Amino acid sequence: MKKNFLIILIVFSNLRCSSQNNFDAWLPEEYVKAIKTKDTSSYKHLIPIEGFESFGKNPRILTYRGEINPIKTKKIIDGNKEKYQLLNLQYYVNLKYNSRELAERLSKATIYISKSGQKLLLEIIEKDKKENIYFINRVDEYEFKNIKDAKEYLEKD
């Protein structure tokens, strides 16, 4: 009995560890550029979204100074391009550090994420304007595995 329990425990821990290593992370391209040039206002490029993890599998999102959460998406075909509409993004906005106006703005906008070459393209489409934000998953030879480690790597230079 103890032997079976030990085997199950080992298998479970290996599965858990291997699943954690399969994440990929995406940070705003302008944020990465600002960090690399030592711009003191680089944090502004993290608003409204600091990053994505596991795009395409079980997407998770980190809004500015919020917590990383799974996000519901809806697959859309626009012409011949596959996009994912982000649903209920306004509920992930941390109102302690962001304005209610930002949450309201996101609630009224249509928001898509899609692959654009080697980048992710976030489109925030409002009634009178459209904002495009690109996200990247590597810098130099370093590939982002998760948002926290990627930001630590960038900030250590």
C-alpha atoms as a PDB file:
ATOM      1  CA  MET A   1       0.000   0.000   0.000  1.00  0.00           C
ATOM      2  CA  LYS A   2       2.753   2.447   0.931  1.00  0.00           C
ATOM      3  CA  LYS A   3       4.594   1.516  -2.255  1.00  0.00           C
ATOM      4  CA  ASN A   4       1.551   2.283  -4.435  1.00  0.00           C
ATOM      5  CA  PHE A   5       0.995   5.581  -2.666  1.00  0.00           C
ATOM      6  CA  LEU A   6       4.644   6.526  -3.204  1.00  0.00           C
ATOM      7  CA  ILE A   7       4.440   5.690  -6.924  1.00  0.00           C
ATOM      8  CA  ILE A   8       1.281   7.756  -7.329  1.00  0.00           C
ATOM      9  CA  LEU A   9       2.881  10.660  -5.473  1.00  0.00           C
ATOM     10  CA  ILE A  10       5.995  10.568  -7.693  1.00  0.00           C
ATOM     11  CA  VAL A  11       3.955  10.378 -10.913  1.00  0.00           C
ATOM     12  CA  PHE A  12       1.711  13.248  -9.815  1.00  0.00           C
ATOM     13  CA  SER A  13       4.636  15.497  -8.876  1.00  0.00           C
ATOM     14  CA  ASN A  14       6.379  14.788 -12.206  1.00  0.00           C
ATOM     15  CA  LEU A  15       3.231  15.628 -14.145  1.00  0.00           C
ATOM     16  CA  ARG A  16       2.805  18.839 -12.156  1.00  0.00           C
ATOM     17  CA  CYS A  17       6.418  19.899 -12.740  1.00  0.00           C
ATOM     18  CA  SER A  18       6.347  19.104 -16.445  1.00  0.00           C
ATOM     19  CA  SER A  19       3.089  21.000 -16.942  1.00  0.00           C
ATOM     20  CA  GLN A  20       4.588  24.082 -15.272  1.00  0.00           C
ATOM     21  CA  ASN A  21       7.494  24.018 -17.723  1.00  0.00           C
ATOM     22  CA  ASN A  22       5.197  24.135 -20.755  1.00  0.00           C
ATOM     23  CA  PHE A  23       4.135  27.733 -20.222  1.00  0.00           C
ATOM     24  CA  ASP A  24       5.072  30.438 -22.618  1.00  0.00           C
ATOM     25  CA  ALA A  25       4.823  34.085 -21.701  1.00  0.00           C
ATOM     26  CA  TRP A  26       4.247  37.213 -23.734  1.00  0.00           C
ATOM     27  CA  LEU A  27       5.106  40.754 -22.613  1.00  0.00           C
ATOM     28  CA  PRO A  28       4.294  44.064 -24.347  1.00  0.00           C
ATOM     29  CA  GLU A  29       6.962  44.768 -26.953  1.00  0.00           C
ATOM     30  CA  GLU A  30       7.148  48.461 -26.038  1.00  0.00           C
ATOM     31  CA  TYR A  31       7.696  47.558 -22.378  1.00  0.00           C
ATOM     32  CA  VAL A  32      10.604  45.271 -23.298  1.00  0.00           C
ATOM     33  CA  LYS A  33      12.139  48.002 -25.490  1.00  0.00           C
ATOM     34  CA  ALA A  34      11.734  50.574 -22.695  1.00  0.00           C
ATOM     35  CA  ILE A  35      13.375  48.280 -20.124  1.00  0.00           C
ATOM     36  CA  LYS A  36      16.279  47.592 -22.478  1.00  0.00           C
ATOM     37  CA  THR A  37      16.860  51.348 -22.901  1.00  0.00           C
ATOM     38  CA  LYS A  38      16.480  51.906 -19.130  1.00  0.00           C
ATOM     39  CA  ASP A  39      13.407  54.126 -19.590  1.00  0.00           C
ATOM     40  CA  THR A  40      12.098  54.978 -16.114  1.00  0.00           C
ATOM     41  CA  SER A  41       8.511  55.139 -17.369  1.00  0.00           C
ATOM     42  CA  SER A  42       8.557  51.618 -18.819  1.00  0.00           C
ATOM     43  CA  TYR A  43       5.702  50.567 -16.515  1.00  0.00           C
ATOM     44  CA  LYS A  44       3.292  52.686 -18.614  1.00  0.00           C
ATOM     45  CA  HIS A  45       3.539  50.054 -21.337  1.00  0.00           C
ATOM     46  CA  LEU A  46       2.077  47.457 -18.957  1.00  0.00           C
ATOM     47  CA  ILE A  47      -1.301  49.207 -18.896  1.00  0.00           C
ATOM     48  CA  PRO A  48      -3.863  47.678 -19.372  1.00  0.00           C
ATOM     49  CA  ILE A  49      -2.212  44.251 -19.793  1.00  0.00           C
ATOM     50  CA  GLU A  50       1.144  43.167 -18.367  1.00  0.00           C
ATOM     51  CA  GLY A  51       1.205  39.900 -20.248  1.00  0.00           C
ATOM     52  CA  PHE A  52      -0.197  36.577 -21.326  1.00  0.00           C
ATOM     53  CA  GLU A  53       0.778  33.022 -20.450  1.00  0.00           C
ATOM     54  CA  SER A  54      -0.030  29.840 -22.338  1.00  0.00           C
ATOM     55  CA  PHE A  55      -1.589  31.596 -25.292  1.00  0.00           C
ATOM     56  CA  GLY A  56      -3.391  29.029 -27.418  1.00  0.00           C
ATOM     57  CA  LYS A  57      -3.658  26.298 -24.755  1.00  0.00           C
ATOM     58  CA  ASN A  58      -5.377  27.631 -21.654  1.00  0.00           C
ATOM     59  CA  PRO A  59      -4.760  31.372 -21.978  1.00  0.00           C
ATOM     60  CA  ARG A  60      -4.032  33.289 -18.817  1.00  0.00           C
ATOM     61  CA  ILE A  61      -3.835  37.038 -18.511  1.00  0.00           C
ATOM     62  CA  LEU A  62      -2.184  39.470 -16.134  1.00  0.00           C
ATOM     63  CA  THR A  63      -3.722  42.929 -16.094  1.00  0.00           C
ATOM     64  CA  TYR A  64      -1.740  45.858 -14.718  1.00  0.00           C
ATOM     65  CA  ARG A  65      -0.934  45.201 -11.039  1.00  0.00           C
ATOM     66  CA  GLY A  66      -3.534  42.461 -10.925  1.00  0.00           C
ATOM     67  CA  GLU A  67      -3.338  38.716 -10.542  1.00  0.00           C
ATOM     68  CA  ILE A  68      -2.781  36.190 -13.283  1.00  0.00           C
ATOM     69  CA  ASN A  69      -6.088  34.562 -14.209  1.00  0.00           C
ATOM     70  CA  PRO A  70      -7.473  32.265 -16.875  1.00  0.00           C
ATOM     71  CA  ILE A  71      -9.385  34.257 -19.468  1.00  0.00           C
ATOM     72  CA  LYS A  72     -12.332  33.109 -21.512  1.00  0.00           C
ATOM     73  CA  THR A  73     -11.996  33.533 -25.233  1.00  0.00           C
ATOM     74  CA  LYS A  74     -14.188  33.062 -28.266  1.00  0.00           C
ATOM     75  CA  LYS A  75     -12.622  31.958 -31.561  1.00  0.00           C
ATOM     76  CA  ILE A  76     -13.395  34.281 -34.468  1.00  0.00           C
ATOM     77  CA  ILE A  77     -12.460  33.927 -38.139  1.00  0.00           C
ATOM     78  CA  ASP A  78     -11.866  37.356 -39.712  1.00  0.00           C
ATOM     79  CA  GLY A  79     -11.298  36.795 -43.407  1.00  0.00           C
ATOM     80  CA  ASN A  80      -8.676  34.073 -43.349  1.00  0.00           C
ATOM     81  CA  LYS A  81      -7.192  35.119 -39.996  1.00  0.00           C
ATOM     82  CA  GLU A  82      -7.940  33.333 -36.723  1.00  0.00           C
ATOM     83  CA  LYS A  83      -8.508  35.630 -33.760  1.00  0.00           C
ATOM     84  CA  TYR A  84      -9.677  35.142 -30.203  1.00  0.00           C
ATOM     85  CA  GLN A  85     -12.044  37.610 -28.623  1.00  0.00           C
ATOM     86  CA  LEU A  86     -11.223  38.233 -24.961  1.00  0.00           C
ATOM     87  CA  LEU A  87     -14.410  38.075 -22.935  1.00  0.00           C
ATOM     88  CA  ASN A  88     -15.171  40.091 -19.800  1.00  0.00           C
ATOM     89  CA  LEU A  89     -11.701  41.619 -19.576  1.00  0.00           C
ATOM     90  CA  GLN A  90     -13.012  44.493 -17.454  1.00  0.00           C
ATOM     91  CA  TYR A  91     -13.524  42.114 -14.514  1.00  0.00           C
ATOM     92  CA  TYR A  92      -9.776  41.484 -14.297  1.00  0.00           C
ATOM     93  CA  VAL A  93      -8.839  45.160 -13.881  1.00  0.00           C
ATOM     94  CA  ASN A  94      -7.447  45.842 -10.409  1.00  0.00           C
ATOM     95  CA  LEU A  95      -9.385  48.921  -9.318  1.00  0.00           C
ATOM     96  CA  LYS A  96      -6.921  49.634  -6.529  1.00  0.00           C
ATOM     97  CA  TYR A  97      -4.307  50.666  -9.113  1.00  0.00           C
ATOM     98  CA  ASN A  98      -6.448  51.400 -12.180  1.00  0.00           C
ATOM     99  CA  SER A  99      -9.349  53.701 -12.779  1.00  0.00           C
ATOM    100  CA  ARG A 100     -12.981  52.694 -13.106  1.00  0.00           C
ATOM    101  CA  GLU A 101     -12.853  54.501 -16.437  1.00  0.00           C
ATOM    102  CA  LEU A 102     -10.347  51.942 -17.728  1.00  0.00           C
ATOM    103  CA  ALA A 103     -12.594  49.058 -16.671  1.00  0.00           C
ATOM    104  CA  GLU A 104     -15.610  50.782 -18.235  1.00  0.00           C
ATOM    105  CA  ARG A 105     -13.669  51.481 -21.431  1.00  0.00           C
ATOM    106  CA  LEU A 106     -12.681  47.802 -21.696  1.00  0.00           C
ATOM    107  CA  SER A 107     -16.264  46.705 -21.041  1.00  0.00           C
ATOM    108  CA  LYS A 108     -17.458  48.690 -24.057  1.00  0.00           C
ATOM    109  CA  ALA A 109     -14.585  47.694 -26.361  1.00  0.00           C
ATOM    110  CA  THR A 110     -14.224  44.629 -28.539  1.00  0.00           C
ATOM    111  CA  ILE A 111     -10.871  43.037 -27.774  1.00  0.00           C
ATOM    112  CA  TYR A 112      -9.087  40.490 -29.930  1.00  0.00           C
ATOM    113  CA  ILE A 113      -5.783  38.671 -29.651  1.00  0.00           C
ATOM    114  CA  SER A 114      -4.143  36.909 -32.575  1.00  0.00           C
ATOM    115  CA  LYS A 115      -0.787  35.751 -33.865  1.00  0.00           C
ATOM    116  CA  SER A 116       0.940  38.251 -36.121  1.00  0.00           C
ATOM    117  CA  GLY A 117       4.140  36.658 -37.371  1.00  0.00           C
ATOM    118  CA  GLN A 118       6.285  35.944 -34.297  1.00  0.00           C
ATOM    119  CA  LYS A 119       4.220  38.288 -32.107  1.00  0.00           C
ATOM    120  CA  LEU A 120       0.810  38.458 -30.505  1.00  0.00           C
ATOM    121  CA  LEU A 121      -1.385  41.338 -31.553  1.00  0.00           C
ATOM    122  CA  LEU A 122      -3.885  42.724 -29.058  1.00  0.00           C
ATOM    123  CA  GLU A 123      -6.553  44.862 -30.706  1.00  0.00           C
ATOM    124  CA  ILE A 124      -8.721  47.087 -28.535  1.00  0.00           C
ATOM    125  CA  ILE A 125     -11.510  48.352 -30.772  1.00  0.00           C
ATOM    126  CA  GLU A 126     -13.680  51.139 -29.474  1.00  0.00           C
ATOM    127  CA  LYS A 127     -16.400  53.105 -31.191  1.00  0.00           C
ATOM    128  CA  ASP A 128     -14.094  55.897 -32.377  1.00  0.00           C
ATOM    129  CA  LYS A 129     -10.591  54.377 -32.215  1.00  0.00           C
ATOM    130  CA  LYS A 130      -8.506  51.235 -32.421  1.00  0.00           C
ATOM    131  CA  GLU A 131      -5.383  50.494 -30.376  1.00  0.00           C
ATOM    132  CA  ASN A 132      -2.871  47.812 -31.394  1.00  0.00           C
ATOM    133  CA  ILE A 133      -0.450  46.439 -28.794  1.00  0.00           C
ATOM    134  CA  TYR A 134       2.163  43.862 -29.770  1.00  0.00           C
ATOM    135  CA  PHE A 135       3.490  41.233 -27.366  1.00  0.00           C
ATOM    136  CA  ILE A 136       6.715  39.254 -27.717  1.00  0.00           C
ATOM    137  CA  ASN A 137       7.854  36.025 -26.102  1.00  0.00           C
ATOM    138  CA  ARG A 138      11.628  36.415 -26.219  1.00  0.00           C
ATOM    139  CA  VAL A 139      14.431  38.921 -26.134  1.00  0.00           C
ATOM    140  CA  ASP A 140      17.925  38.216 -27.377  1.00  0.00           C
ATOM    141  CA  GLU A 141      18.288  34.459 -26.789  1.00  0.00           C
ATOM    142  CA  TYR A 142      16.052  34.386 -23.702  1.00  0.00           C
ATOM    143  CA  GLU A 143      12.615  32.813 -24.164  1.00  0.00           C
ATOM    144  CA  PHE A 144       9.948  33.876 -21.676  1.00  0.00           C
ATOM    145  CA  LYS A 145       8.561  30.898 -19.719  1.00  0.00           C
ATOM    146  CA  ASN A 146       6.344  32.903 -17.364  1.00  0.00           C
ATOM    147  CA  ILE A 147       5.661  36.579 -16.781  1.00  0.00           C
ATOM    148  CA  LYS A 148       7.317  36.838 -13.377  1.00  0.00           C
ATOM    149  CA  ASP A 149      10.625  35.293 -14.474  1.00  0.00           C
ATOM    150  CA  ALA A 150      10.645  37.272 -17.722  1.00  0.00           C
ATOM    151  CA  LYS A 151      10.230  40.587 -15.901  1.00  0.00           C
ATOM    152  CA  GLU A 152      12.941  39.650 -13.395  1.00  0.00           C
ATOM    153  CA  TYR A 153      15.294  38.752 -16.251  1.00  0.00           C
ATOM    154  CA  LEU A 154      14.673  42.073 -18.000  1.00  0.00           C
ATOM    155  CA  GLU A 155      15.055  44.159 -14.860  1.00  0.00           C
ATOM    156  CA  LYS A 156      18.339  42.580 -13.729  1.00  0.00           C
ATOM    157  CA  ASP A 157      20.411  44.255 -16.474  1.00  0.00           C
END
